[in-house]
Amino acid sequence: MLATVSSAAVFGIEALPVFIEIEVSSRGLPGVTVVGLPHASVKESKDRVRSALRSCGFQYRAQKVTINLSPAWIPKHGPSFDLPIALGLLQGYNLLPPLSSQTLIAGELSLDGTIRPISGILPIIIMAAQRGYTHLFIPTENENQCMMTSSVTCYAASHLRDIVLHITGKRKLSPVVHTKTIPPYSTSLDLLQSFSGQEHALRTAQIAAAGRHHTLFIGPPGVGKTMLAHGISSLLPPLDNDEYLEVSAIQSRSPTQLLPPRQPPFRAPHARSTTLQMFGGGHSLLPGELTFAHRGVLFLDELPAFSSEILQGLRIPLEEHVLRHSVEGHTLEFPCRFLFLAAMNPCPCGYAYSMDHVCTCSPSKIRQYLHRISSPLLDRIDLQVTLHDFSPGQNAPGSDIESRVSSIQQAWNIQQTRYKNTQNTANGELTSKNITQYCPLSHEVSAYLRICLEKLKISHRKYVSIIRVARTIADLETQKNIEKRHIAEAVQSCVRIE
């Protein structure tokens, strides 16, 4: 007896359909063979399925069973094939009618038949909607991820017995009610209020958030670098419907399975994170921190403490906004379009520029410490600012913060209009190929910029950074053209650290 059940495998951050073919034969030695590039976690499903069927009152027959997971070139990982394999076996035993080819099933089984939640369910739901599946069976604890897939009828079940009764028509499951309501999100300004009076810090936060410019903060311990990074994150615009669905699909690959609200994700990995944790990949093809930060913020505190392999590996993602992994002869692309924020001390002890503490580092140690951040990486960071010790209370918080937020929102609106129907979403993503098109300079401004370049001897990438930042400064003032004062302020914020 041959039975076929449709399921799905999450390959990277996308799901692909998997057809589970089960042959039950009375010829040959009894046993279960799983083929089709299964991982150990998939091979172990036969033991979980056997116990689950017995717990539901079905007799597990001593016959030769061959389970083929097609297509064979896709590596299959995780326990999400437990439920479709169990239903396929019942079909092979002639205990269930054949399922429609437009029905897709995914879920993990416990030994007593309980259906457990799985990670990566949202990419499966999105794939089912795109490929024309009409019915989808998923674990009950994953039903909250069906909120924006009205084209697919989802059934959430907590036990194998419930699905069997539904298929046989004895007790129907109720479809999951779909909704397009997205969790609310409001911008919080509490973190930035403590920086009231620090004009340099607030101006940097304003420019970075308005144009999504990669930023590096340098300053002694306790000056507020981490707090400022969180403040910039709170200033970013909320995710729209498409972005929310995209980010949620990526976050569903996380073991915690926490769906984000509308605010962009904020990721702050530890300095001892491995290359695999940062960039993802491996045999399970899980996303890394860079991909989990997609559409949000990636913050690296104490930047020189990260390994040189990680620091050098950041260069291409910062420009191309994508990570490429080759597995089984196939190349996968993981998106990583994020705002990069980093913080570091000016020296190993941290007090090179402090007015209240004495630095104990020699000049050679300071140079060695700073040189851990290579020039090619620094060239990809638009804003590089130094924060100094500050005594709070110099200026009272108030309307100044609110006016900055208002100007940021105006700058977003300008950029949305400017980059409509393009791949760019903000000034910080402009490249040397389109900088002339979107950032034209007058003859006077070009001459002034050339003088700055000759004196500072900066690279071409830093030249592009200066124009990008100047474009954002002009947008904050709702100015159509870039003027000399915009270039002058951009140069001060984009100076390379020596």
Protein backbone atom coordinates (compact mmCIF):
# COMPACT_ATOMS: atom_id res chain seq x y z
CA MET A 1 0.00 0.00 0.00
CA LEU A 2 1.41 3.40 -1.02
CA ALA A 3 0.34 6.64 0.69
CA THR A 4 1.43 10.23 0.07
CA VAL A 5 1.19 13.14 2.51
CA SER A 6 2.30 16.73 1.84
CA SER A 7 4.52 18.48 4.37
CA ALA A 8 7.25 21.13 4.25
CA ALA A 9 10.89 21.63 5.13
CA VAL A 10 12.35 24.97 6.17
CA PHE A 11 15.46 25.45 4.03
CA GLY A 12 17.30 28.43 5.47
CA ILE A 13 14.54 30.95 6.18
CA GLU A 14 12.23 29.76 3.41
CA ALA A 15 10.02 26.68 3.29
CA LEU A 16 9.81 24.20 0.44
CA PRO A 17 7.14 21.50 -0.04
CA VAL A 18 8.11 17.95 0.89
CA PHE A 19 6.11 14.96 -0.26
CA ILE A 20 6.20 12.05 2.18
CA GLU A 21 5.72 8.75 0.36
CA ILE A 22 5.07 5.73 2.59
CA GLU A 23 5.04 2.18 1.33
CA VAL A 24 3.67 -0.52 3.65
CA SER A 25 4.50 -4.01 2.42
CA SER A 26 4.03 -7.47 3.82
CA ARG A 27 7.07 -8.66 1.87
CA GLY A 28 10.51 -8.42 3.36
CA LEU A 29 11.77 -8.17 6.90
CA PRO A 30 9.75 -5.94 9.25
CA GLY A 31 11.32 -2.58 9.86
CA VAL A 32 11.18 1.13 9.02
CA THR A 33 13.57 2.78 6.56
CA VAL A 34 13.66 6.56 6.08
CA VAL A 35 15.32 7.90 2.92
CA GLY A 36 15.53 11.32 1.28
CA LEU A 37 18.48 13.00 3.07
CA PRO A 38 17.01 12.83 6.61
CA HIS A 39 18.83 14.21 9.62
CA ALA A 40 19.12 12.11 12.78
CA SER A 41 16.17 14.02 14.27
CA VAL A 42 14.04 12.87 11.32
CA LYS A 43 15.19 9.26 11.52
CA GLU A 44 14.19 9.19 15.17
CA SER A 45 10.62 10.13 14.23
CA LYS A 46 9.75 6.46 13.61
CA ASP A 47 10.12 5.75 17.33
CA ARG A 48 8.00 8.74 18.34
CA VAL A 49 5.36 7.84 15.75
CA ARG A 50 5.22 4.21 16.93
CA SER A 51 4.55 5.23 20.54
CA ALA A 52 2.07 7.95 19.52
CA LEU A 53 0.01 5.53 17.41
CA ARG A 54 -0.11 2.97 20.20
CA SER A 55 -1.16 5.67 22.69
CA CYS A 56 -4.07 6.55 20.39
CA GLY A 57 -5.24 2.92 20.23
CA PHE A 58 -3.78 1.99 16.85
CA GLN A 59 -1.78 -1.18 16.45
CA TYR A 60 1.66 -0.67 15.00
CA ARG A 61 2.02 -3.52 12.52
CA ALA A 62 5.20 -5.51 12.06
CA GLN A 63 5.61 -4.85 8.35
CA LYS A 64 8.26 -3.47 6.06
CA VAL A 65 7.78 0.30 5.85
CA THR A 66 9.74 2.57 3.51
CA ILE A 67 9.42 6.34 4.01
CA ASN A 68 10.70 8.57 1.23
CA LEU A 69 11.05 12.33 1.75
CA SER A 70 10.94 13.99 -1.66
CA PRO A 71 12.71 15.93 -3.13
CA ALA A 72 15.77 14.11 -1.94
CA TRP A 73 18.24 16.97 -2.40
CA ILE A 74 16.73 19.07 0.43
CA PRO A 75 18.27 18.28 3.84
CA LYS A 76 15.46 17.45 6.27
CA HIS A 77 15.90 18.58 9.86
CA GLY A 78 13.76 18.67 12.96
CA PRO A 79 10.71 16.77 14.22
CA SER A 80 8.09 18.55 12.08
CA PHE A 81 7.61 15.40 9.95
CA ASP A 82 6.28 13.32 12.87
CA LEU A 83 2.64 14.22 12.32
CA PRO A 84 2.52 13.71 8.52
CA ILE A 85 4.41 10.41 8.83
CA ALA A 86 1.90 9.17 11.43
CA LEU A 87 -1.06 10.08 9.20
CA GLY A 88 0.66 8.52 6.21
CA LEU A 89 1.13 5.26 8.10
CA LEU A 90 -2.55 5.20 9.03
CA GLN A 91 -3.36 5.63 5.35
CA GLY A 92 -0.99 2.79 4.54
CA TYR A 93 -2.84 0.64 7.07
CA ASN A 94 -6.17 1.56 5.36
CA LEU A 95 -7.34 3.25 8.56
CA LEU A 96 -7.63 6.72 7.03
CA PRO A 97 -8.89 7.93 3.65
CA PRO A 98 -6.35 9.59 1.31
CA LEU A 99 -5.73 13.25 1.98
CA SER A 100 -6.10 15.92 -0.67
CA SER A 101 -2.92 16.98 -2.45
CA GLN A 102 -3.79 20.54 -1.38
CA THR A 103 -3.56 19.63 2.31
CA LEU A 104 -0.28 20.30 4.10
CA ILE A 105 0.64 18.94 7.54
CA ALA A 106 3.46 19.78 9.97
CA GLY A 107 3.96 19.05 13.65
CA GLU A 108 5.99 17.17 16.26
CA LEU A 109 4.54 14.25 18.19
CA SER A 110 5.18 13.31 21.79
CA LEU A 111 5.04 9.68 22.86
CA ASP A 112 1.42 9.99 24.04
CA GLY A 113 0.22 11.56 20.77
CA THR A 114 0.29 15.17 21.90
CA ILE A 115 1.19 17.56 19.06
CA ARG A 116 4.03 19.84 20.08
CA PRO A 117 4.86 23.24 18.52
CA ILE A 118 7.64 23.53 15.95
CA SER A 119 9.93 26.36 14.94
CA GLY A 120 9.77 27.91 11.49
CA ILE A 121 6.03 27.45 11.14
CA LEU A 122 5.45 30.91 9.63
CA PRO A 123 7.64 30.28 6.55
CA ILE A 124 5.61 27.07 6.05
CA ILE A 125 2.34 29.00 6.25
CA ILE A 126 3.60 31.62 3.79
CA MET A 127 4.78 28.92 1.36
CA ALA A 128 1.42 27.13 1.61
CA ALA A 129 -0.41 30.32 0.68
CA GLN A 130 1.93 31.04 -2.23
CA ARG A 131 1.71 27.53 -3.70
CA GLY A 132 -2.04 27.18 -3.57
CA TYR A 133 -2.55 24.84 -0.61
CA THR A 134 -6.06 25.16 0.75
CA HIS A 135 -5.83 23.32 4.09
CA LEU A 136 -3.11 23.30 6.70
CA PHE A 137 -2.84 21.28 9.94
CA ILE A 138 -0.49 22.75 12.56
CA PRO A 139 0.05 22.49 16.34
CA THR A 140 -2.28 24.50 18.55
CA GLU A 141 0.58 26.48 20.07
CA ASN A 142 1.50 27.76 16.59
CA GLU A 143 -1.97 28.99 15.65
CA ASN A 144 -1.17 32.62 16.56
CA GLN A 145 1.15 32.68 13.52
CA CYS A 146 -1.78 32.23 11.11
CA MET A 147 -2.90 35.82 11.58
CA MET A 148 -2.12 37.06 8.05
CA THR A 149 -2.73 34.00 5.85
CA SER A 150 -6.42 34.25 5.04
CA SER A 151 -5.99 32.34 1.77
CA VAL A 152 -5.29 29.08 3.64
CA THR A 153 -7.71 27.36 5.99
CA CYS A 154 -5.66 26.47 9.06
CA TYR A 155 -6.64 23.81 11.58
CA ALA A 156 -4.84 23.78 14.91
CA ALA A 157 -4.81 20.53 16.87
CA SER A 158 -3.32 19.56 20.20
CA HIS A 159 -3.50 15.75 19.79
CA LEU A 160 -3.11 13.22 16.98
CA ARG A 161 -6.51 11.79 17.83
CA ASP A 162 -8.18 15.15 17.07
CA ILE A 163 -6.85 15.17 13.50
CA VAL A 164 -7.84 11.54 12.93
CA LEU A 165 -11.39 12.28 14.07
CA HIS A 166 -11.48 15.34 11.80
CA ILE A 167 -10.31 13.44 8.72
CA THR A 168 -12.77 10.61 9.32
CA GLY A 169 -15.60 13.13 9.82
CA LYS A 170 -16.45 12.06 13.38
CA ARG A 171 -15.55 15.38 15.03
CA LYS A 172 -14.58 18.38 12.96
CA LEU A 173 -11.98 20.89 14.04
CA SER A 174 -12.84 24.58 13.91
CA PRO A 175 -10.71 26.62 11.48
CA VAL A 176 -8.38 29.20 12.98
CA VAL A 177 -9.91 32.68 12.75
CA HIS A 178 -7.65 34.88 10.62
CA THR A 179 -7.01 38.49 11.44
CA LYS A 180 -4.87 41.21 9.92
CA THR A 181 -4.50 43.06 13.18
CA ILE A 182 -0.88 43.84 13.93
CA PRO A 183 0.22 44.45 17.54
CA PRO A 184 0.41 48.19 18.30
CA TYR A 185 3.70 49.98 18.69
CA SER A 186 4.49 53.41 20.04
CA THR A 187 7.83 55.20 20.08
CA SER A 188 9.37 55.68 23.52
CA LEU A 189 11.56 58.72 24.12
CA ASP A 190 12.52 57.94 27.72
CA LEU A 191 16.03 56.77 26.80
CA LEU A 192 16.83 59.94 24.87
CA GLN A 193 15.52 62.25 27.56
CA SER A 194 18.59 61.52 29.68
CA PHE A 195 20.78 62.90 26.87
CA SER A 196 19.04 66.28 26.87
CA GLY A 197 21.83 68.86 26.82
CA GLN A 198 24.29 66.63 24.96
CA GLU A 199 23.82 68.23 21.57
CA HIS A 200 26.46 66.09 19.85
CA ALA A 201 24.94 62.82 21.06
CA LEU A 202 21.37 63.80 20.21
CA ARG A 203 22.34 65.13 16.79
CA THR A 204 24.11 61.87 15.99
CA ALA A 205 21.06 59.87 17.07
CA GLN A 206 18.84 62.10 14.97
CA ILE A 207 20.93 61.69 11.80
CA ALA A 208 21.47 57.95 12.30
CA ALA A 209 17.76 57.24 12.79
CA ALA A 210 16.60 59.56 10.01
CA GLY A 211 18.86 58.07 7.32
CA ARG A 212 19.65 54.62 8.78
CA HIS A 213 23.35 55.40 8.84
CA HIS A 214 25.74 52.87 10.39
CA THR A 215 27.23 54.48 13.49
CA LEU A 216 30.21 53.89 15.79
CA PHE A 217 30.29 55.47 19.26
CA ILE A 218 33.64 55.96 20.98
CA GLY A 219 33.84 57.03 24.60
CA PRO A 220 34.85 56.10 28.14
CA PRO A 221 32.84 53.60 30.20
CA GLY A 222 29.56 54.93 31.54
CA VAL A 223 29.19 57.75 29.04
CA GLY A 224 25.96 56.25 27.68
CA LYS A 225 26.97 54.54 24.43
CA THR A 226 24.68 51.54 24.95
CA MET A 227 21.79 53.69 26.10
CA LEU A 228 22.15 55.90 23.03
CA ALA A 229 22.06 52.84 20.77
CA HIS A 230 18.79 51.73 22.37
CA GLY A 231 17.49 55.26 21.98
CA ILE A 232 18.22 55.25 18.25
CA SER A 233 16.42 51.92 17.95
CA SER A 234 13.32 53.42 19.56
CA LEU A 235 13.30 56.19 16.93
CA LEU A 236 13.02 53.87 13.94
CA PRO A 237 9.65 53.72 12.15
CA PRO A 238 7.34 50.79 12.92
CA LEU A 239 7.22 47.90 10.49
CA ASP A 240 4.53 47.92 7.85
CA ASN A 241 2.45 44.83 7.06
CA ASP A 242 4.88 43.27 4.57
CA GLU A 243 7.92 44.00 6.73
CA TYR A 244 6.18 42.64 9.81
CA LEU A 245 5.36 39.37 8.05
CA GLU A 246 8.93 39.10 6.71
CA VAL A 247 10.52 39.75 10.10
CA SER A 248 8.10 37.41 11.86
CA ALA A 249 8.99 34.60 9.43
CA ILE A 250 12.67 35.03 10.28
CA GLN A 251 12.07 35.29 14.02
CA SER A 252 9.99 32.09 13.92
CA ARG A 253 13.24 30.23 13.18
CA SER A 254 14.48 31.22 16.62
CA PRO A 255 14.19 28.51 19.30
CA THR A 256 12.23 30.95 21.47
CA GLN A 257 9.61 31.43 18.72
CA LEU A 258 8.76 34.91 19.96
CA LEU A 259 6.90 36.95 17.36
CA PRO A 260 8.00 40.60 17.45
CA PRO A 261 5.54 43.44 17.78
CA ARG A 262 5.64 46.19 15.18
CA GLN A 263 8.92 47.69 16.35
CA PRO A 264 12.06 46.71 14.42
CA PRO A 265 14.10 43.95 16.07
CA PHE A 266 17.08 44.88 18.24
CA ARG A 267 19.91 42.34 18.48
CA ALA A 268 22.92 42.80 20.75
CA PRO A 269 25.08 39.64 20.57
CA HIS A 270 27.87 39.06 23.08
CA ALA A 271 31.47 39.66 22.07
CA ARG A 272 32.20 35.95 22.54
CA SER A 273 29.60 34.92 19.97
CA THR A 274 30.89 32.45 17.42
CA THR A 275 30.98 32.99 13.68
CA LEU A 276 28.11 30.53 13.30
CA GLN A 277 26.00 32.41 15.82
CA MET A 278 26.65 35.70 14.06
CA PHE A 279 26.29 34.71 10.40
CA GLY A 280 24.16 31.55 10.62
CA GLY A 281 24.37 28.51 8.37
CA GLY A 282 25.66 25.16 9.59
CA HIS A 283 23.99 21.82 8.98
CA SER A 284 20.64 23.13 10.26
CA LEU A 285 20.77 26.29 8.13
CA LEU A 286 19.62 28.47 11.00
CA PRO A 287 19.79 32.26 10.68
CA GLY A 288 22.43 34.15 12.62
CA GLU A 289 22.31 37.39 14.54
CA LEU A 290 22.75 39.43 11.35
CA THR A 291 19.63 37.89 9.83
CA PHE A 292 17.63 38.11 13.05
CA ALA A 293 18.42 41.85 12.99
CA HIS A 294 16.86 42.21 9.52
CA ARG A 295 14.76 45.41 9.27
CA GLY A 296 16.05 46.44 12.68
CA VAL A 297 19.25 47.16 14.60
CA LEU A 298 22.41 45.12 15.12
CA PHE A 299 24.35 46.53 18.07
CA LEU A 300 27.87 45.33 18.86
CA ASP A 301 29.08 46.61 22.22
CA GLU A 302 32.85 46.74 22.75
CA LEU A 303 33.52 46.22 19.06
CA PRO A 304 37.27 45.39 19.30
CA ALA A 305 36.45 42.42 21.56
CA PHE A 306 34.81 40.55 18.66
CA SER A 307 37.00 38.15 16.72
CA SER A 308 38.76 39.41 13.61
CA GLU A 309 36.87 36.81 11.57
CA ILE A 310 33.56 38.33 12.61
CA LEU A 311 34.73 41.90 12.09
CA GLN A 312 36.00 41.17 8.59
CA GLY A 313 32.90 39.13 7.80
CA LEU A 314 30.73 42.20 8.43
CA ARG A 315 32.10 44.06 5.44
CA ILE A 316 30.03 42.45 2.66
CA PRO A 317 26.70 42.27 4.59
CA LEU A 318 26.97 45.97 5.47
CA GLU A 319 27.06 46.83 1.77
CA GLU A 320 25.03 44.12 0.06
CA HIS A 321 22.49 43.46 2.86
CA VAL A 322 22.58 39.72 2.19
CA LEU A 323 24.45 36.62 3.44
CA ARG A 324 25.13 33.71 1.12
CA HIS A 325 25.52 30.11 2.28
CA SER A 326 26.31 27.16 0.01
CA VAL A 327 24.83 23.81 1.06
CA GLU A 328 24.61 20.61 -0.97
CA GLY A 329 25.55 22.48 -4.13
CA HIS A 330 22.85 25.11 -3.60
CA THR A 331 23.34 28.73 -2.59
CA LEU A 332 20.95 30.26 -0.06
CA GLU A 333 20.57 33.96 0.59
CA PHE A 334 19.74 35.23 4.07
CA PRO A 335 18.57 38.88 4.19
CA CYS A 336 20.34 41.20 6.61
CA ARG A 337 19.21 44.76 5.90
CA PHE A 338 19.84 46.33 9.30
CA LEU A 339 21.10 49.50 10.94
CA PHE A 340 24.55 48.74 12.33
CA LEU A 341 25.42 50.40 15.64
CA ALA A 342 28.65 49.74 17.50
CA ALA A 343 30.39 51.05 20.61
CA MET A 344 33.96 50.91 21.83
CA ASN A 345 36.30 52.47 24.34
CA PRO A 346 39.03 54.78 23.05
CA CYS A 347 41.74 52.59 24.60
CA PRO A 348 42.08 49.29 26.53
CA CYS A 349 41.48 50.94 29.91
CA GLY A 350 38.74 53.11 28.47
CA TYR A 351 39.79 56.54 29.76
CA ALA A 352 41.92 58.00 26.97
CA TYR A 353 39.56 60.98 26.51
CA SER A 354 38.14 61.12 30.02
CA MET A 355 38.41 64.34 32.01
CA ASP A 356 37.80 62.60 35.33
CA HIS A 357 40.11 59.59 35.02
CA VAL A 358 43.74 59.07 34.04
CA CYS A 359 44.51 56.76 31.13
CA THR A 360 47.12 54.09 31.95
CA CYS A 361 47.63 52.84 28.37
CA SER A 362 50.80 53.40 26.38
CA PRO A 363 50.55 54.91 22.87
CA SER A 364 51.52 51.58 21.32
CA LYS A 365 48.73 49.75 23.19
CA ILE A 366 46.22 52.36 22.09
CA ARG A 367 47.28 52.01 18.45
CA GLN A 368 47.14 48.23 18.66
CA TYR A 369 43.68 48.43 20.23
CA LEU A 370 42.29 50.81 17.60
CA HIS A 371 43.82 48.88 14.73
CA ARG A 372 41.66 45.86 15.57
CA ILE A 373 38.99 47.75 13.63
CA SER A 374 40.32 47.72 10.07
CA SER A 375 40.09 50.68 7.73
CA PRO A 376 37.83 48.82 5.25
CA LEU A 377 35.32 48.20 8.04
CA LEU A 378 35.51 51.79 9.27
CA ASP A 379 34.90 53.05 5.75
CA ARG A 380 31.56 51.24 5.78
CA ILE A 381 30.44 53.02 8.95
CA ASP A 382 29.03 56.42 8.05
CA LEU A 383 29.02 58.13 11.45
CA GLN A 384 31.99 57.89 13.80
CA VAL A 385 31.53 60.07 16.86
CA THR A 386 33.32 60.51 20.17
CA LEU A 387 31.28 60.93 23.35
CA HIS A 388 32.75 62.66 26.39
CA ASP A 389 31.96 62.66 30.09
CA PHE A 390 28.82 64.61 30.84
CA SER A 391 27.16 65.92 33.97
CA PRO A 392 23.38 65.44 33.70
CA GLY A 393 20.97 68.24 34.37
CA GLN A 394 22.60 70.96 32.26
CA ASN A 395 19.47 71.27 30.13
CA ALA A 396 16.00 70.14 31.11
CA PRO A 397 14.35 67.58 28.86
CA GLY A 398 11.39 68.81 26.90
CA SER A 399 10.17 69.84 23.51
CA ASP A 400 13.63 69.63 21.91
CA ILE A 401 13.41 65.82 21.84
CA GLU A 402 9.93 65.96 20.38
CA SER A 403 11.00 68.39 17.66
CA ARG A 404 13.85 66.07 16.69
CA VAL A 405 11.43 63.16 16.41
CA SER A 406 9.16 65.29 14.24
CA SER A 407 12.03 66.14 11.90
CA ILE A 408 12.98 62.45 11.68
CA GLN A 409 9.45 61.56 10.61
CA GLN A 410 9.56 64.28 7.95
CA ALA A 411 12.87 62.89 6.68
CA TRP A 412 11.33 59.39 6.44
CA ASN A 413 8.47 60.72 4.36
CA ILE A 414 10.88 62.48 2.01
CA GLN A 415 12.95 59.32 1.54
CA GLN A 416 9.89 57.14 0.96
CA THR A 417 8.89 59.42 -1.89
CA ARG A 418 12.41 59.67 -3.28
CA TYR A 419 13.13 55.92 -3.28
CA LYS A 420 9.69 54.73 -4.31
CA ASN A 421 9.90 51.71 -6.64
CA THR A 422 13.63 51.24 -5.88
CA GLN A 423 15.57 48.78 -3.74
CA ASN A 424 16.75 51.57 -1.44
CA THR A 425 14.74 52.40 1.65
CA ALA A 426 16.93 55.13 3.20
CA ASN A 427 19.84 57.45 2.46
CA GLY A 428 22.23 55.19 4.34
CA GLU A 429 21.75 52.46 1.70
CA LEU A 430 22.82 54.56 -1.27
CA THR A 431 25.82 53.24 -3.18
CA SER A 432 28.38 54.93 -5.38
CA LYS A 433 26.34 53.82 -8.41
CA ASN A 434 23.27 55.88 -7.53
CA ILE A 435 24.73 58.61 -5.34
CA THR A 436 24.88 61.03 -8.28
CA GLN A 437 21.27 60.41 -9.23
CA TYR A 438 19.79 61.06 -5.79
CA CYS A 439 22.39 63.45 -4.34
CA PRO A 440 23.31 65.99 -7.04
CA LEU A 441 25.78 68.66 -5.93
CA SER A 442 26.13 72.17 -7.25
CA HIS A 443 29.46 73.36 -8.62
CA GLU A 444 30.14 75.38 -5.47
CA VAL A 445 29.36 72.49 -3.12
CA SER A 446 31.44 70.06 -5.22
CA ALA A 447 34.43 72.39 -5.07
CA TYR A 448 34.08 72.71 -1.30
CA LEU A 449 33.88 68.93 -0.94
CA ARG A 450 37.00 68.44 -3.06
CA ILE A 451 38.93 70.76 -0.76
CA CYS A 452 37.82 68.69 2.24
CA LEU A 453 38.86 65.49 0.49
CA GLU A 454 42.32 66.80 -0.35
CA LYS A 455 42.99 67.89 3.22
CA LEU A 456 41.58 64.78 4.91
CA LYS A 457 42.86 62.27 2.32
CA ILE A 458 39.85 60.03 2.71
CA SER A 459 38.83 57.01 0.67
CA HIS A 460 36.14 56.84 -2.00
CA ARG A 461 33.80 54.95 0.37
CA LYS A 462 34.12 57.71 2.94
CA TYR A 463 33.44 60.24 0.20
CA VAL A 464 30.15 58.46 -0.51
CA SER A 465 29.41 58.35 3.23
CA ILE A 466 29.83 62.12 3.52
CA ILE A 467 27.36 62.74 0.69
CA ARG A 468 24.87 60.23 2.17
CA VAL A 469 24.99 61.91 5.58
CA ALA A 470 24.74 65.37 3.99
CA ARG A 471 21.65 64.19 2.11
CA THR A 472 20.05 63.15 5.42
CA ILE A 473 20.96 66.45 7.09
CA ALA A 474 19.31 68.30 4.20
CA ASP A 475 16.22 66.08 4.52
CA LEU A 476 15.99 66.89 8.23
CA GLU A 477 15.79 70.54 7.21
CA THR A 478 13.40 69.67 4.34
CA GLN A 479 15.92 71.16 1.92
CA LYS A 480 15.82 69.92 -1.66
CA ASN A 481 19.48 70.64 -2.42
CA ILE A 482 22.61 69.77 -0.45
CA GLU A 483 24.42 72.91 0.70
CA LYS A 484 27.90 73.64 2.02
CA ARG A 485 26.79 73.61 5.66
CA HIS A 486 25.36 70.13 5.19
CA ILE A 487 28.69 68.91 3.80
CA ALA A 488 30.60 70.60 6.63
CA GLU A 489 28.53 68.87 9.32
CA ALA A 490 28.73 65.55 7.50
CA VAL A 491 32.52 65.77 7.32
CA GLN A 492 32.75 66.34 11.07
CA SER A 493 30.62 63.25 11.73
CA CYS A 494 32.36 60.98 9.20
CA VAL A 495 36.00 61.60 10.09
CA ARG A 496 37.97 58.38 10.35
CA ILE A 497 39.49 57.48 13.70
CA GLU A 498 43.27 57.36 13.63
